[in-house]
Protein backbone atom coordinates (compact mmCIF):
# COMPACT_ATOMS: atom_id res chain seq x y z
CA MET A 1 19.18 -12.96 -27.79
CA ASP A 2 21.89 -12.39 -30.42
CA SER A 3 22.98 -8.98 -29.18
CA LYS A 4 25.94 -8.96 -26.87
CA GLU A 5 24.30 -6.18 -24.92
CA LYS A 6 20.89 -6.55 -23.45
CA ARG A 7 18.81 -3.51 -22.44
CA GLN A 8 16.01 -3.99 -19.94
CA LEU A 9 13.45 -1.90 -17.98
CA ILE A 10 12.37 -3.57 -14.68
CA VAL A 11 9.20 -2.50 -12.94
CA ILE A 12 9.10 -3.60 -9.33
CA GLY A 13 6.00 -3.90 -7.14
CA ASN A 14 5.20 -5.05 -3.63
CA GLY A 15 5.33 -8.69 -4.70
CA PHE A 16 9.11 -8.29 -5.04
CA ASP A 17 9.59 -7.29 -1.36
CA ARG A 18 7.22 -9.97 -0.18
CA GLN A 19 9.18 -12.57 -2.00
CA CYS A 20 12.24 -11.20 -0.24
CA SER A 21 10.53 -11.85 3.15
CA LEU A 22 9.49 -8.29 3.87
CA GLU A 23 6.01 -8.14 5.43
CA THR A 24 5.26 -4.80 3.80
CA THR A 25 1.58 -5.32 3.19
CA TYR A 26 -0.98 -2.75 4.35
CA ASP A 27 -2.60 -5.43 6.37
CA ASN A 28 0.59 -5.94 8.36
CA TYR A 29 0.96 -2.15 8.70
CA PHE A 30 -2.49 -1.83 10.32
CA ASN A 31 -1.80 -4.88 12.45
CA THR A 32 1.34 -3.22 13.71
CA ARG A 33 -0.07 0.26 13.98
CA PHE A 34 -3.12 -0.72 16.04
CA GLY A 35 -1.53 -3.26 18.39
CA ILE A 36 -2.69 -6.52 16.79
CA LYS A 37 0.89 -7.72 16.26
CA CYS A 38 1.70 -6.70 19.78
CA THR A 39 -1.18 -8.78 21.04
CA GLU A 40 0.10 -11.71 19.03
CA GLU A 41 3.48 -11.48 20.73
CA VAL A 42 1.82 -11.25 24.15
CA ASN A 43 -0.28 -14.29 23.46
CA LYS A 44 2.86 -16.10 22.36
CA ALA A 45 4.62 -15.16 25.62
CA PHE A 46 1.59 -16.46 27.56
CA TYR A 47 1.22 -19.60 25.41
CA ARG A 48 -2.23 -18.52 24.14
CA ASN A 49 -3.84 -18.42 20.75
CA THR A 50 -1.47 -16.73 18.29
CA ASP A 51 -3.57 -16.99 15.13
CA ILE A 52 -3.33 -13.45 13.72
CA ASP A 53 -6.72 -13.72 11.99
CA ASP A 54 -8.43 -14.57 15.30
CA ILE A 55 -6.70 -11.67 17.01
CA GLN A 56 -7.62 -9.36 14.15
CA LYS A 57 -11.22 -10.43 14.41
CA ASP A 58 -11.26 -9.78 18.15
CA PHE A 59 -9.78 -6.34 17.66
CA TYR A 60 -12.29 -5.20 14.97
CA ASP A 61 -15.22 -6.75 16.88
CA ASN A 62 -14.07 -4.62 19.80
CA CYS A 63 -13.93 -1.60 17.50
CA GLU A 64 -17.52 -2.21 16.49
CA LYS A 65 -18.69 -2.11 20.12
CA VAL A 66 -16.84 1.09 20.76
CA LEU A 67 -18.15 2.83 17.66
CA ILE A 68 -21.67 1.77 18.45
CA GLU A 69 -21.34 3.22 21.91
CA ILE A 70 -19.92 6.50 20.57
CA PHE A 71 -22.65 6.94 17.97
CA LYS A 72 -25.53 5.22 19.72
CA SER A 73 -27.42 8.46 20.15
CA LYS A 74 -28.61 10.46 17.10
CA GLU A 75 -28.30 13.47 19.29
CA THR A 76 -24.56 13.01 19.54
CA LYS A 77 -23.13 16.03 17.71
CA ASP A 78 -20.15 15.37 15.44
CA SER A 79 -18.71 18.70 16.59
CA ASN A 80 -18.46 17.24 20.14
CA LEU A 81 -16.18 14.45 18.99
CA ASN A 82 -12.53 14.48 17.84
CA ILE A 83 -10.32 11.89 16.25
CA GLY A 84 -8.05 11.58 19.24
CA ASP A 85 -10.91 10.64 21.56
CA ILE A 86 -12.32 8.06 19.12
CA ILE A 87 -9.02 6.29 18.42
CA ASN A 88 -8.08 6.46 22.13
CA ASP A 89 -11.37 4.79 23.11
CA VAL A 90 -10.91 2.05 20.47
CA LEU A 91 -7.30 1.27 21.37
CA SER A 92 -7.63 1.65 25.14
CA SER A 93 -10.55 -0.79 25.32
CA PHE A 94 -8.40 -3.38 23.55
CA LEU A 95 -4.87 -2.74 24.82
CA LEU A 96 -5.27 -1.48 28.39
CA PRO A 97 -6.39 -4.86 29.80
CA LEU A 98 -3.41 -6.37 27.99
CA ASN A 99 -1.10 -3.79 29.41
CA GLU A 100 -2.42 -4.33 32.92
CA GLU A 101 -1.93 -8.07 32.54
CA LEU A 102 1.66 -7.63 31.47
CA ASN A 103 2.40 -5.29 34.42
CA ASN A 104 0.93 -7.78 36.84
CA LYS A 105 3.16 -10.54 35.47
CA ILE A 106 6.22 -8.26 35.63
CA ASN A 107 5.47 -7.14 39.17
CA THR A 108 5.03 -10.68 40.49
CA LYS A 109 7.68 -11.00 43.18
CA THR A 110 10.32 -13.48 42.32
CA ASN A 111 13.61 -14.15 44.06
CA ALA A 112 16.22 -12.80 41.59
CA SER A 113 18.77 -15.43 42.65
CA GLN A 114 16.31 -18.18 41.94
CA MET A 115 15.23 -16.74 38.56
CA SER A 116 16.40 -18.87 35.66
CA GLU A 117 17.97 -17.33 32.57
CA ALA A 118 14.91 -18.27 30.58
CA LEU A 119 12.54 -16.64 33.06
CA ARG A 120 14.70 -13.52 33.13
CA ALA A 121 14.57 -13.32 29.39
CA HIS A 122 10.81 -13.80 29.55
CA GLN A 123 10.49 -10.89 31.95
CA GLU A 124 12.58 -8.70 29.66
CA LEU A 125 10.25 -9.62 26.78
CA LEU A 126 7.24 -8.71 28.82
CA LYS A 127 8.77 -5.28 29.66
CA ARG A 128 9.39 -4.60 25.97
CA LEU A 129 5.80 -5.51 25.19
CA VAL A 130 4.61 -3.13 27.88
CA ASP A 131 6.67 -0.36 26.30
CA ARG A 132 5.32 -1.29 22.84
CA SER A 133 1.67 -1.24 23.92
CA LYS A 134 2.22 2.09 25.74
CA GLU A 135 3.78 3.48 22.57
CA ILE A 136 0.75 2.41 20.53
CA LEU A 137 -1.61 3.99 23.05
CA GLU A 138 0.27 7.28 23.10
CA ALA A 139 1.09 7.60 19.41
CA ASN A 140 -0.09 10.54 17.31
CA TYR A 141 -2.73 9.30 14.95
CA SER A 142 -3.75 11.10 11.78
CA LYS A 143 -7.27 11.66 10.51
CA TRP A 144 -6.50 9.13 7.76
CA ASP A 145 -5.63 6.53 10.42
CA LEU A 146 -9.13 6.93 11.81
CA ILE A 147 -10.71 6.74 8.38
CA PHE A 148 -8.79 3.62 7.42
CA LEU A 149 -9.58 2.03 10.79
CA SER A 150 -13.26 2.88 10.42
CA ALA A 151 -13.31 1.52 6.83
CA LYS A 152 -12.02 -1.85 8.10
CA VAL A 153 -14.87 -1.91 10.67
CA CYS A 154 -17.75 -0.44 8.69
CA LEU A 155 -17.15 -2.27 5.35
CA THR A 156 -17.34 -5.96 4.65
CA SER A 157 -14.41 -8.23 3.60
CA ASP A 158 -11.25 -6.15 3.79
CA PRO A 159 -11.42 -2.93 1.82
CA LEU A 160 -7.71 -2.23 2.47
CA ALA A 161 -6.04 -5.57 1.86
CA HIS A 162 -3.69 -4.32 -0.82
CA TRP A 163 -1.70 -1.21 -1.55
CA HIS A 164 -4.01 -0.06 -4.40
CA ASP A 165 -7.00 -0.55 -2.10
CA VAL A 166 -5.73 2.24 0.17
CA GLU A 167 -5.29 4.59 -2.79
CA THR A 168 -8.79 3.73 -3.97
CA MET A 169 -10.14 4.63 -0.53
CA ILE A 170 -8.25 7.94 -0.66
CA TYR A 171 -9.86 8.68 -3.98
CA ARG A 172 -13.32 7.90 -2.71
CA VAL A 173 -12.90 9.98 0.50
CA VAL A 174 -11.44 13.07 -1.27
CA THR A 175 -14.17 12.72 -3.91
CA TRP A 176 -16.87 12.68 -1.20
CA VAL A 177 -15.41 15.60 0.75
CA LEU A 178 -14.28 17.79 -2.13
CA LYS A 179 -16.68 16.91 -4.96
CA ASP A 180 -19.82 15.01 -4.14
CA ASN A 181 -20.53 16.20 -0.60
CA ILE A 182 -22.08 19.49 -1.72
CA PHE A 183 -23.97 20.06 1.53
CA LYS A 184 -20.97 21.89 3.05
CA PHE A 185 -20.93 24.43 0.23
CA CYS A 186 -24.64 24.92 -0.52
CA GLN A 187 -27.74 25.81 1.46
CA ASN A 188 -29.99 22.99 0.12
CA TYR A 189 -28.70 20.44 2.58
CA SER A 190 -30.85 17.50 3.81
CA GLU A 191 -29.97 14.19 5.39
CA ASP A 192 -31.55 12.33 2.46
CA ASN A 193 -29.45 14.30 -0.10
CA GLU A 194 -26.25 13.55 1.86
CA ASN A 195 -27.04 9.79 2.02
CA GLU A 196 -27.82 9.71 -1.68
CA TYR A 197 -24.53 11.31 -2.67
CA PHE A 198 -22.62 9.14 -0.18
CA ASP A 199 -24.07 5.96 -1.80
CA LYS A 200 -22.99 7.16 -5.26
CA THR A 201 -19.52 7.98 -4.07
CA PHE A 202 -18.87 4.66 -2.39
CA TYR A 203 -20.53 2.51 -4.99
CA GLY A 204 -19.10 -1.03 -5.10
CA TYR A 205 -18.43 -1.18 -1.35
CA GLU A 206 -20.67 -3.28 0.89
CA PHE A 207 -21.28 -1.98 4.36
CA ASN A 208 -21.17 -4.23 7.42
CA SER A 209 -24.67 -5.46 8.06
CA ASN A 210 -23.62 -6.75 11.51
CA LEU A 211 -22.75 -3.19 12.59
CA GLN A 212 -25.93 -1.14 13.05
CA ASN A 213 -25.83 2.12 11.05
CA SER A 214 -22.33 1.24 9.67
CA LYS A 215 -22.80 3.52 6.72
CA THR A 216 -23.92 6.45 8.84
CA ILE A 217 -21.03 5.89 11.26
CA PHE A 218 -18.45 5.83 8.46
CA ARG A 219 -19.93 8.99 6.85
CA ARG A 220 -19.93 10.81 10.19
CA ILE A 221 -16.36 9.91 10.90
CA ILE A 222 -15.28 11.33 7.55
CA ASN A 223 -17.25 14.47 8.30
CA ILE A 224 -15.65 14.76 11.77
CA CYS A 225 -12.24 14.52 10.23
CA PHE A 226 -12.61 17.00 7.43
CA HIS A 227 -15.67 19.20 7.92
CA GLU A 228 -15.37 20.63 11.40
CA ASP A 229 -12.76 23.38 10.77
CA SER A 230 -14.35 26.76 10.77
CA LYS A 231 -11.14 28.30 9.36
CA VAL A 232 -11.63 26.42 6.04
CA THR A 233 -13.58 28.58 3.64
CA THR A 234 -12.70 27.07 0.22
CA LYS A 235 -12.34 23.62 -1.25
CA ASP A 236 -8.66 24.23 -2.08
CA ASP A 237 -8.03 25.13 1.58
CA LEU A 238 -9.74 21.95 2.67
CA ALA A 239 -7.79 19.89 0.08
CA ILE A 240 -4.48 21.21 1.39
CA LYS A 241 -5.49 20.38 4.96
CA MET A 242 -6.42 16.86 3.87
CA LEU A 243 -3.08 16.54 2.07
CA ASP A 244 -1.12 17.77 5.07
CA ASP A 245 -2.76 15.08 7.18
CA LEU A 246 -2.01 12.47 4.49
CA ASN A 247 1.62 13.50 4.78
CA SER A 248 1.50 12.57 8.46
CA PHE A 249 0.07 9.14 7.56
CA GLU A 250 2.85 8.71 4.97
CA ARG A 251 5.56 9.47 7.49
CA ASN A 252 4.14 6.81 9.85
CA PHE A 253 4.08 4.32 6.96
CA ALA A 254 7.68 5.18 6.13
CA LYS A 255 8.68 4.32 9.68
CA PHE A 256 6.88 1.01 9.41
CA ILE A 257 8.77 0.15 6.14
CA ASN A 258 12.06 1.08 7.75
CA ASP A 259 11.33 -1.17 10.71
CA GLN A 260 10.59 -4.01 8.34
CA VAL A 261 13.80 -3.48 6.32
CA ASN A 262 15.98 -3.09 9.38
CA TYR A 263 14.27 -5.73 11.52
CA GLU A 264 16.77 -8.23 12.90
CA ASP A 265 16.56 -11.35 14.93
CA ASP A 266 18.64 -14.49 15.37
CA VAL A 267 16.09 -16.80 13.79
CA SER A 268 14.31 -15.13 10.90
CA ARG A 269 16.26 -12.55 8.98
CA ASN A 270 18.08 -9.23 9.00
CA LYS A 271 18.69 -6.45 6.44
CA LYS A 272 21.62 -8.35 4.92
CA ASP A 273 19.32 -11.31 4.31
CA TYR A 274 16.85 -8.99 2.58
CA LEU A 275 19.52 -7.48 0.35
CA ASN A 276 20.85 -10.95 -0.57
CA SER A 277 17.31 -12.13 -1.45
CA ALA A 278 16.81 -8.97 -3.53
CA LYS A 279 20.07 -9.55 -5.31
CA ASP A 280 19.18 -13.16 -6.16
CA LEU A 281 15.76 -12.18 -7.39
CA LEU A 282 17.04 -9.34 -9.56
CA LYS A 283 19.69 -11.67 -11.02
CA LYS A 284 16.99 -14.12 -12.04
CA LEU A 285 14.95 -11.39 -13.64
CA VAL A 286 17.94 -10.27 -15.63
CA PHE A 287 19.16 -13.76 -16.49
CA PRO A 288 15.90 -15.77 -16.56
CA ASN A 289 17.61 -18.91 -17.93
CA PHE A 290 19.48 -19.21 -14.61
CA GLU A 291 22.82 -19.19 -16.44
CA MET A 292 25.13 -16.26 -16.00
CA SER A 293 26.10 -15.00 -19.45
CA PRO A 294 29.14 -12.92 -20.31
CA ASP A 295 26.87 -10.48 -22.15
CA SER A 296 26.50 -7.21 -20.31
CA VAL A 297 23.02 -6.02 -19.30
CA ILE A 298 22.03 -2.39 -18.89
CA ILE A 299 18.97 -1.90 -16.76
CA ASP A 300 16.57 0.82 -15.74
CA VAL A 301 14.57 0.19 -12.59
CA LEU A 302 11.19 1.74 -11.90
CA ASN A 303 10.55 0.84 -8.25
CA PHE A 304 7.08 1.32 -6.77
CA ASN A 305 8.23 0.12 -3.36
CA TYR A 306 9.61 2.32 -0.62
CA SER A 307 12.35 0.00 0.55
CA LEU A 308 15.13 -0.70 -2.00
CA ASP A 309 17.03 2.06 -3.75
CA GLU A 310 20.06 2.41 -6.04
CA SER A 311 22.59 2.66 -3.19
CA ASP A 312 21.35 -0.69 -1.90
CA PHE A 313 21.65 -2.15 -5.42
CA LEU A 314 25.21 -0.91 -5.78
CA GLU A 315 26.11 -2.80 -2.63
CA MET A 316 24.85 -6.02 -4.32
CA ALA A 317 27.26 -5.73 -7.25
CA ILE A 318 25.67 -8.17 -9.70
CA PRO A 319 28.34 -9.14 -12.26
CA ASN A 320 27.74 -7.84 -15.82
CA VAL A 321 24.72 -5.78 -14.77
CA HIS A 322 24.97 -2.00 -15.05
CA VAL A 323 22.35 0.50 -13.86
CA ASN A 324 21.49 3.27 -16.27
CA SER A 325 18.84 4.68 -13.89
CA TRP A 326 16.97 3.71 -10.75
CA THR A 327 13.77 5.56 -9.77
CA ASN A 328 11.83 5.11 -6.59
CA ILE A 329 8.87 6.80 -8.22
CA HIS A 330 6.79 7.09 -5.07
CA GLY A 331 9.68 7.90 -2.74
CA ILE A 332 11.80 5.99 -0.26
CA ALA A 333 11.11 5.19 3.38
CA ASP A 334 14.63 6.03 4.53
CA TYR A 335 14.69 9.38 2.73
CA ALA A 336 15.82 11.32 5.82
CA LYS A 337 18.96 9.28 6.28
CA LYS A 338 20.07 8.92 2.73
CA SER A 339 23.34 10.60 1.79
CA VAL A 340 21.89 11.67 -1.54
CA GLN A 341 18.75 13.68 -2.05
CA SER A 342 15.65 11.46 -1.76
CA SER A 343 11.88 12.07 -1.61
CA PRO A 344 9.55 10.83 1.09
CA PRO A 345 6.92 8.22 0.36
CA ILE A 346 3.70 9.37 -1.29
CA PHE A 347 0.25 7.96 -1.88
CA GLY A 348 -1.82 9.31 -4.73
CA ILE A 349 -4.72 8.81 -7.08
CA ASP A 350 -4.58 8.37 -10.84
CA SER A 351 -5.38 11.30 -13.09
CA HIS A 352 -7.72 9.03 -15.08
CA ASP A 353 -10.07 9.08 -12.13
CA ILE A 354 -10.49 12.81 -12.39
CA PHE A 355 -10.00 13.78 -16.00
CA PRO A 356 -12.05 12.18 -18.76
CA SER A 357 -10.11 10.19 -21.36
CA ARG A 358 -11.21 12.44 -24.20
CA ARG A 359 -9.90 15.99 -24.57
CA GLY A 360 -12.29 18.81 -23.79
CA GLU A 361 -14.95 16.44 -22.38
CA GLY A 362 -15.99 18.42 -19.36
CA VAL A 363 -12.54 18.87 -17.80
CA ASP A 364 -12.58 20.83 -14.57
CA PHE A 365 -9.16 22.26 -14.12
CA ASN A 366 -10.24 23.76 -10.79
CA ASP A 367 -10.98 20.32 -9.34
CA PRO A 368 -9.33 20.38 -5.82
CA ARG A 369 -8.68 16.63 -6.08
CA ILE A 370 -5.76 17.49 -8.41
CA PHE A 371 -3.65 17.97 -5.28
CA PHE A 372 -3.96 14.25 -4.64
CA THR A 373 -3.05 12.96 -8.13
CA LYS A 374 0.26 11.16 -8.54
CA ALA A 375 1.21 13.67 -11.27
CA TYR A 376 0.89 16.60 -8.83
CA ARG A 377 2.57 14.78 -6.05
CA LEU A 378 5.59 13.75 -8.19
CA ILE A 379 6.12 17.36 -9.25
CA ASN A 380 5.60 18.55 -5.63
CA ASN A 381 8.22 15.97 -4.50
CA HIS A 382 10.66 17.22 -7.21
CA VAL A 383 11.26 13.60 -8.37
CA ASN A 384 13.00 14.64 -11.63
CA ASP A 385 15.42 16.83 -9.61
CA ILE A 386 16.48 13.66 -7.76
CA ARG A 387 16.71 11.25 -10.67
CA ASN A 388 20.29 11.01 -12.00
CA SER A 389 19.35 9.74 -15.48
CA SER A 390 16.37 9.17 -17.77
CA PHE A 391 15.37 5.82 -19.15
CA GLN A 392 17.31 4.33 -22.02
CA LYS A 393 16.00 5.32 -25.46
CA ASN A 394 15.69 1.66 -26.48
CA VAL A 395 15.15 -1.55 -24.57
CA ASP A 396 14.79 -5.17 -25.57
CA VAL A 397 12.58 -6.25 -22.59
CA ILE A 398 10.17 -4.66 -20.16
CA THR A 399 9.86 -6.80 -17.05
CA PHE A 400 7.19 -6.42 -14.41
CA MET A 401 7.78 -8.14 -11.08
CA GLY A 402 5.12 -8.35 -8.32
CA HIS A 403 3.13 -5.31 -9.35
CA SER A 404 -0.67 -5.39 -8.88
CA LEU A 405 -1.12 -3.70 -12.33
CA ASN A 406 -3.97 -1.76 -10.74
CA LYS A 407 -5.60 1.10 -12.66
CA ALA A 408 -4.12 3.64 -10.23
CA ASP A 409 -0.76 3.22 -12.06
CA TYR A 410 -1.99 2.91 -15.66
CA SER A 411 -0.73 6.43 -16.45
CA TYR A 412 2.82 5.32 -15.82
CA PHE A 413 2.46 2.15 -17.90
CA GLU A 414 0.81 3.85 -20.84
CA THR A 415 3.63 6.38 -20.88
CA ILE A 416 6.21 3.58 -20.94
CA PHE A 417 4.35 1.66 -23.68
CA ASP A 418 4.25 4.88 -25.75
CA MET A 419 7.89 5.61 -25.13
CA TYR A 420 8.99 2.19 -26.49
CA ASP A 421 6.12 1.96 -29.00
CA ILE A 422 5.27 -1.62 -28.00
CA PHE A 423 2.65 -1.97 -30.72
CA HIS A 424 5.21 -1.58 -33.58
CA SER A 425 8.53 -2.35 -31.99
CA ASN A 426 10.13 -5.69 -31.07
CA VAL A 427 10.07 -4.97 -27.32
CA LYS A 428 9.12 -8.02 -25.28
CA LEU A 429 6.87 -7.81 -22.20
CA GLU A 430 7.38 -10.11 -19.24
CA PHE A 431 5.06 -10.26 -16.25
CA TYR A 432 6.15 -12.15 -13.11
CA TYR A 433 3.64 -12.57 -10.33
CA TYR A 434 4.05 -13.37 -6.67
CA LYS A 435 2.50 -16.72 -5.88
CA GLY A 436 0.92 -15.53 -2.60
CA TYR A 437 -2.29 -16.90 -1.24
CA ASN A 438 -5.38 -14.74 -1.12
CA LYS A 439 -6.74 -15.12 2.38
CA PHE A 440 -10.24 -14.21 1.11
CA SER A 441 -10.22 -16.96 -1.50
CA ILE A 442 -12.81 -19.70 -1.14
CA VAL A 443 -10.55 -22.11 -2.98
CA GLU A 444 -9.01 -24.63 -0.52
CA ASP A 445 -6.78 -26.82 -2.74
CA PRO A 446 -3.21 -25.31 -2.65
CA LYS A 447 -2.60 -26.21 -6.32
CA LEU A 448 -5.86 -24.53 -7.38
CA LYS A 449 -4.92 -21.46 -5.32
CA ILE A 450 -1.70 -21.19 -7.30
CA LYS A 451 -3.64 -21.53 -10.51
CA GLN A 452 -6.01 -18.85 -9.27
CA SER A 453 -3.05 -16.45 -8.80
CA GLU A 454 -1.98 -17.03 -12.37
CA ARG A 455 -5.45 -16.50 -13.75
CA GLU A 456 -5.87 -13.27 -11.81
CA THR A 457 -2.51 -12.01 -13.09
CA ILE A 458 -3.32 -12.88 -16.70
CA LYS A 459 -6.66 -11.07 -16.39
CA LYS A 460 -4.87 -7.95 -15.14
CA VAL A 461 -2.35 -8.10 -17.96
CA VAL A 462 -5.15 -8.42 -20.54
CA ASN A 463 -7.00 -5.50 -18.94
CA LEU A 464 -3.92 -3.31 -18.89
CA LEU A 465 -2.90 -4.01 -22.47
CA THR A 466 -6.40 -3.78 -23.88
CA THR A 467 -6.98 -0.48 -22.11
CA TYR A 468 -3.77 0.78 -23.57
CA GLY A 469 -4.69 -0.56 -27.03
CA GLU A 470 -7.82 1.59 -26.94
CA THR A 471 -5.66 4.71 -26.74
CA LEU A 472 -3.91 3.94 -30.06
CA LYS A 473 -5.37 5.92 -32.96
CA ASN A 474 -5.55 4.48 -36.47
CA GLU A 475 -4.52 1.06 -35.23
CA HIS A 476 -6.26 -2.18 -34.34
CA GLY A 477 -5.33 -1.54 -30.69
CA GLU A 478 -8.06 -3.85 -29.41
CA ASN A 479 -6.02 -6.71 -30.81
CA ILE A 480 -2.77 -5.80 -29.10
CA VAL A 481 -2.73 -8.91 -26.90
CA ASN A 482 -3.16 -11.24 -29.91
CA LYS A 483 -0.50 -9.31 -31.77
CA LEU A 484 2.01 -9.59 -28.91
CA MET A 485 1.30 -13.28 -28.50
CA LEU A 486 1.68 -14.07 -32.22
CA GLU A 487 4.99 -12.20 -32.25
CA GLN A 488 6.15 -14.06 -29.12
CA ARG A 489 6.53 -10.79 -27.22
CA LEU A 490 4.27 -11.49 -24.25
CA ASP A 491 4.93 -13.87 -21.36
CA VAL A 492 3.38 -14.39 -17.86
CA HIS A 493 5.50 -16.31 -15.38
CA VAL A 494 5.44 -17.20 -11.71
CA ASN A 495 8.09 -15.50 -9.62
CA PRO A 496 11.40 -17.18 -10.64
CA GLN A 497 12.18 -17.99 -7.03
CA GLN A 498 8.89 -19.82 -6.62
CA GLU A 499 9.15 -22.05 -9.66
């Protein structure tokens, strides 16, 4: 680049944190939340099977048995059940035997003077695991915890493997409760009508054929969570209650992210290691040729993660790199401890899912799902009151690192593309993907798996840009990918630290 000053917008997704050794996947969150990781540590202490996939399977198999027992009778009234009892039954059946085994090992009489240092350390580990399993059993679980847990049991594959999968599930559930499930707000209710609407709402999902009545169980759990409050008289009231409970789930997720960022041990990593990895990765995104240049670079960062913020970046002090703005668009996990005003983490649904793309085409401005849109939640979180600066008016490069490019965030990207007029300008687009393995992939060859990651990313890039091109009036927007390629303004690369 001839200019002595480079201007860049960097969009950061979960692949960034994963490359920096943070296990911030939803899969790991649920494993930690429901005691699967604790079981892994216990098995390690007892020299048993520590394969997390095997432990996970045992846990969800156990969940199936408990749910079948709870719902085995059609006469069981949903009003007689509550979320605390259901989650307690599920977790107790899995963790109480483990807890008892730990206590038995700890209470085994051993002469303290004959206890080796290694054995003493082992005993301390077991005590910590007892405390951890007890903490899991006694935790306060939200209604969304139960819904996500039930989804993992009642649906095939893993419906919540990625961040965007959770937001998709939120959209389907609020649509069912607030929009499609009309039986609560009309008098023409029948079981057949309810099942028909439920099938339409959850189209695309496959229910677990190994779990008898899996669809009915999942539907009844949603109804238990959000339809058994006699004080709720309107859909807006119900939506606010659902949102309040989602806030509780978000606070629990924030704690999980903080634990991951601040996790320390003598072998693996600590927060300093994470910040150093983040610094190295950002440096390579800014200087992709791996050669530090004397040219200054001014960056804006749009961070979709809940972990890294501007104060962390300022600690890194990358030479010749200056921050114009840093936005944690969906909040920051450590919001309560930050010296500057910060917003808590949020999950939301995209406005495209609610409002039609064409103006005036049946828009329902009274739709209670609006409370769950990212637009509403950003305003409600006063994000613009917290941001210290807007994006630069002009940039040379827009860099995406580790973002899933899911439709839930299309609104953000379309706004950015409009802002910098990517169809007519000289702005270059770079997409870096995290070369992680998809555990559901049937491909076995490691090299082919890497190629598969590349192909999936390219497909998402094409979908994003083509969808954006369709919004351009009086232009050949459908050809935007070809145009960017011919003008050498579009690149897809593997994460620079994985090359």
